[in-house]
Protein backbone atom coordinates (compact mmCIF):
# COMPACT_ATOMS: atom_id res chain seq x y z
CA MET A 1 23.16 17.55 3.43
CA LEU A 2 20.50 14.25 3.30
CA ASN A 3 20.66 14.91 6.90
CA ASP A 4 19.01 18.34 6.49
CA LEU A 5 16.67 17.68 3.95
CA ALA A 6 14.93 15.26 5.73
CA GLN A 7 15.05 16.91 8.61
CA ASN A 8 13.55 20.14 6.82
CA LEU A 9 11.11 17.67 4.96
CA PHE A 10 9.85 15.93 8.36
CA ALA A 11 9.60 19.33 10.33
CA THR A 12 7.12 20.06 7.53
CA ILE A 13 5.49 16.94 7.88
CA ASP A 14 5.36 17.37 11.55
CA GLY A 15 3.43 21.18 11.11
CA LEU A 16 0.34 19.12 9.28
CA PRO A 17 -3.00 19.99 10.70
CA PRO A 18 -4.02 16.45 11.47
CA VAL A 19 -6.68 16.29 8.21
CA ALA A 20 -3.97 17.31 5.94
CA ALA A 21 -1.74 14.54 7.46
CA PHE A 22 -4.63 11.56 6.95
CA LEU A 23 -5.52 13.01 3.69
CA ALA A 24 -1.77 12.98 2.60
CA ILE A 25 -0.85 9.50 3.92
CA VAL A 26 -4.13 8.21 2.15
CA ALA A 27 -2.77 9.93 -1.08
CA ALA A 28 0.75 7.88 -0.41
CA THR A 29 -1.15 4.95 -0.49
CA PHE A 30 -1.83 5.16 -3.74
CA VAL A 31 1.70 5.88 -5.05
CA LEU A 32 3.77 3.42 -2.67
CA GLU A 33 1.62 1.15 -0.16
CA ASP A 34 4.34 -0.17 1.61
CA VAL A 35 6.53 2.88 2.12
CA ALA A 36 3.16 4.83 3.13
CA ILE A 37 2.91 2.17 6.02
CA ILE A 38 6.61 2.37 6.87
CA ALA A 39 7.10 6.23 6.55
CA ALA A 40 3.67 6.50 8.44
CA GLY A 41 5.29 3.94 11.23
CA LEU A 42 8.38 6.36 11.46
CA LEU A 43 6.16 9.23 11.77
CA ALA A 44 4.00 7.93 14.82
CA SER A 45 6.71 6.36 16.18
CA THR A 46 8.82 9.92 16.90
CA GLY A 47 5.42 11.71 17.89
CA MET A 48 5.20 13.26 14.95
CA LEU A 49 1.95 11.50 13.84
CA ASN A 50 -0.69 10.39 15.98
CA PRO A 51 -0.76 6.38 15.39
CA ALA A 52 -4.49 6.31 15.42
CA LEU A 53 -4.53 8.72 12.63
CA GLY A 54 -1.92 7.34 10.94
CA GLY A 55 -3.36 3.48 11.06
CA ALA A 56 -6.90 4.83 10.11
CA ALA A 57 -5.36 6.71 6.68
CA LEU A 58 -3.66 3.85 5.68
CA LEU A 59 -6.30 1.39 6.19
CA ALA A 60 -8.82 3.89 4.37
CA GLY A 61 -6.42 4.57 1.78
CA ILE A 62 -5.46 0.99 1.04
CA VAL A 63 -8.47 -0.36 1.07
CA LEU A 64 -10.70 2.75 -1.38
CA GLY A 65 -7.09 1.66 -4.04
CA ASP A 66 -7.85 -1.50 -4.04
CA PHE A 67 -11.78 -1.07 -4.73
CA GLY A 68 -10.67 1.59 -7.69
CA LEU A 69 -8.69 -1.26 -9.05
CA PHE A 70 -11.68 -3.22 -9.07
CA ALA A 71 -13.67 -0.52 -10.32
CA ILE A 72 -11.11 -0.13 -13.16
CA GLY A 73 -11.17 -3.73 -14.02
CA ARG A 74 -15.56 -3.88 -13.76
CA ALA A 75 -15.57 -0.51 -16.28
CA ALA A 76 -13.54 -2.29 -18.51
CA ALA A 77 -15.32 -5.18 -19.03
CA SER A 78 -18.00 -2.71 -20.85
CA THR A 79 -15.68 -0.06 -21.62
CA PRO A 80 -13.25 -1.35 -24.52
CA GLY A 81 -10.99 2.02 -24.05
CA LEU A 82 -10.38 0.57 -20.86
CA ARG A 83 -9.35 -2.73 -21.71
CA LYS A 84 -5.76 -1.98 -22.15
CA TYR A 85 -5.50 -1.37 -18.37
CA VAL A 86 -6.49 -4.95 -17.60
CA ASP A 87 -4.59 -8.31 -18.30
CA THR A 88 -7.26 -10.27 -19.97
CA LYS A 89 -5.23 -13.01 -20.17
CA LEU A 90 -5.14 -12.87 -16.27
CA ALA A 91 -8.65 -11.93 -15.59
CA HIS A 92 -10.37 -15.26 -17.69
CA SER A 93 -7.72 -17.48 -15.79
CA LEU A 94 -9.00 -15.85 -12.52
CA ARG A 95 -13.06 -16.58 -13.59
CA ASN A 96 -13.42 -19.28 -11.43
CA ALA A 97 -10.89 -19.20 -9.02
CA GLY A 98 -11.71 -15.49 -8.65
CA THR A 99 -15.69 -16.49 -7.91
CA GLN A 100 -15.23 -19.48 -6.00
CA ARG A 101 -12.14 -18.77 -4.00
CA ILE A 102 -11.84 -15.07 -3.76
CA PHE A 103 -10.29 -14.56 0.00
CA SER A 104 -7.41 -16.88 -1.23
CA VAL A 105 -6.96 -14.80 -4.01
CA VAL A 106 -7.12 -11.61 -2.20
CA PHE A 107 -4.95 -12.90 0.86
CA SER A 108 -2.29 -14.28 -1.80
CA THR A 109 -2.05 -11.10 -3.51
CA ARG A 110 -1.93 -8.85 -0.63
CA PHE A 111 2.25 -10.11 0.16
CA VAL A 112 3.01 -10.38 -3.49
CA PRO A 113 4.29 -6.72 -4.52
CA GLY A 114 3.08 -5.85 -8.22
CA MET A 115 0.15 -8.40 -8.13
CA ARG A 116 -2.69 -5.91 -6.72
CA LEU A 117 -3.28 -3.93 -10.07
CA PRO A 118 -3.63 -7.08 -12.28
CA THR A 119 -5.27 -9.30 -10.41
CA TYR A 120 -7.75 -6.65 -8.73
CA SER A 121 -8.65 -5.60 -11.98
CA GLY A 122 -9.11 -8.75 -13.30
CA LEU A 123 -11.44 -10.06 -10.58
CA GLY A 124 -13.62 -7.02 -11.67
CA TYR A 125 -13.23 -7.35 -15.53
CA VAL A 126 -14.62 -10.96 -14.86
CA GLY A 127 -17.44 -9.66 -12.70
CA ALA A 128 -16.73 -11.22 -9.36
CA PRO A 129 -19.06 -10.26 -6.45
CA PHE A 130 -18.03 -6.91 -5.28
CA TRP A 131 -19.02 -7.87 -1.57
CA ARG A 132 -16.82 -10.80 -1.27
CA PHE A 133 -14.50 -8.82 -2.63
CA ALA A 134 -14.90 -6.27 -0.41
CA MET A 135 -15.29 -8.29 2.46
CA ALA A 136 -11.37 -10.39 1.52
CA VAL A 137 -9.66 -7.28 0.70
CA LEU A 138 -11.19 -5.49 4.44
CA CYS A 139 -9.90 -8.58 6.13
CA ALA A 140 -6.34 -8.76 4.40
CA VAL A 141 -5.56 -5.32 4.44
CA SER A 142 -6.43 -4.88 7.94
CA LEU A 143 -4.28 -7.79 9.04
CA TRP A 144 -1.56 -7.18 6.54
CA THR A 145 -1.48 -3.20 7.57
CA ILE A 146 -1.72 -3.51 11.38
CA ALA A 147 1.06 -5.69 11.51
CA LEU A 148 3.04 -4.11 9.56
CA TYR A 149 2.40 -0.93 10.78
CA TRP A 150 2.61 -1.98 14.92
CA ILE A 151 6.06 -3.51 14.19
CA VAL A 152 7.63 -0.47 12.28
CA LEU A 153 5.82 1.14 15.80
CA GLN A 154 7.94 -1.06 17.59
CA LEU A 155 10.98 -1.02 16.21
CA GLY A 156 11.41 2.58 14.84
CA SER A 157 11.46 3.93 18.06
CA ASN A 158 14.36 1.51 19.01
CA VAL A 159 16.03 2.55 15.68
CA LEU A 160 15.91 5.97 15.80
CA ALA A 161 16.54 6.54 19.19
CA ALA A 162 19.86 4.19 18.70
CA ALA A 163 20.14 6.58 15.52
CA GLY A 164 20.28 10.34 17.42
CA ALA A 165 20.98 12.97 15.53
CA TRP A 166 21.06 11.10 12.46
CA LYS A 167 17.35 9.41 12.43
CA TRP A 168 16.26 11.60 9.94
CA ALA A 169 18.72 10.22 7.35
CA VAL A 170 18.19 6.92 9.19
CA ILE A 171 14.04 7.31 8.00
CA ALA A 172 15.19 8.50 4.52
CA ALA A 173 17.34 5.79 3.72
CA ILE A 174 14.89 2.86 5.36
CA ILE A 175 12.09 4.57 3.07
CA ALA A 176 14.65 4.31 0.03
CA VAL A 177 15.79 0.97 0.75
CA VAL A 178 11.92 0.29 0.54
CA ILE A 179 11.20 1.55 -2.85
CA ILE A 180 14.43 0.14 -4.16
CA ALA A 181 14.00 -3.69 -2.86
CA GLU A 182 10.33 -3.29 -4.05
CA ARG A 183 11.03 -2.26 -7.47
CA ALA A 184 13.61 -4.98 -7.87
CA PHE A 185 11.02 -7.54 -6.87
CA ILE A 186 8.86 -6.27 -9.26
CA LYS A 187 11.11 -6.24 -12.31
CA ARG A 188 12.41 -9.53 -11.55
CA ARG A 189 9.02 -10.63 -11.87
CA ARG A 190 8.03 -9.52 -14.53
CA ALA A 191 11.03 -10.82 -16.47
CA ARG A 192 10.32 -14.35 -15.57
CA GLY A 193 7.36 -13.59 -16.77
């Protein structure tokens, strides 16, 4: 049953025109970034998605999402109703580090699940220079996304070939494991305070 469901889902995805596939991947990065990277990598490794199109869509979506988080923080600085979306305590602790060491803040945030929203909106809130933030995001996203996407592309074809007829169920299971692991990590981090 899981195999049939996954097979139908991926057959639908395979039938999308390139522009729709691009937009679907961009939208997926706004929901669950790492899952979007892994799913796009697996789809590209099956030949259902052009690898360059998948990589470009991932980069575009993740960068736009990061810029959006920064913009929320910037808008919250002058709009009291938006302040509830910004961790102002964290934002004030970022005031010096975020403006002087923005590359290290952005790079370290990229690798910790659940930290982009509070950190990037906090940087916007305290008025970190957007162009420095943008350059740091472009570098960090390019390195992280391309590396993870490439690894999934390389391993994906081998894993899926070994899975044979069950490759669609394997793809669904891999995505489910990533979602569960990421949520557990974030929940544990929040519990520690």
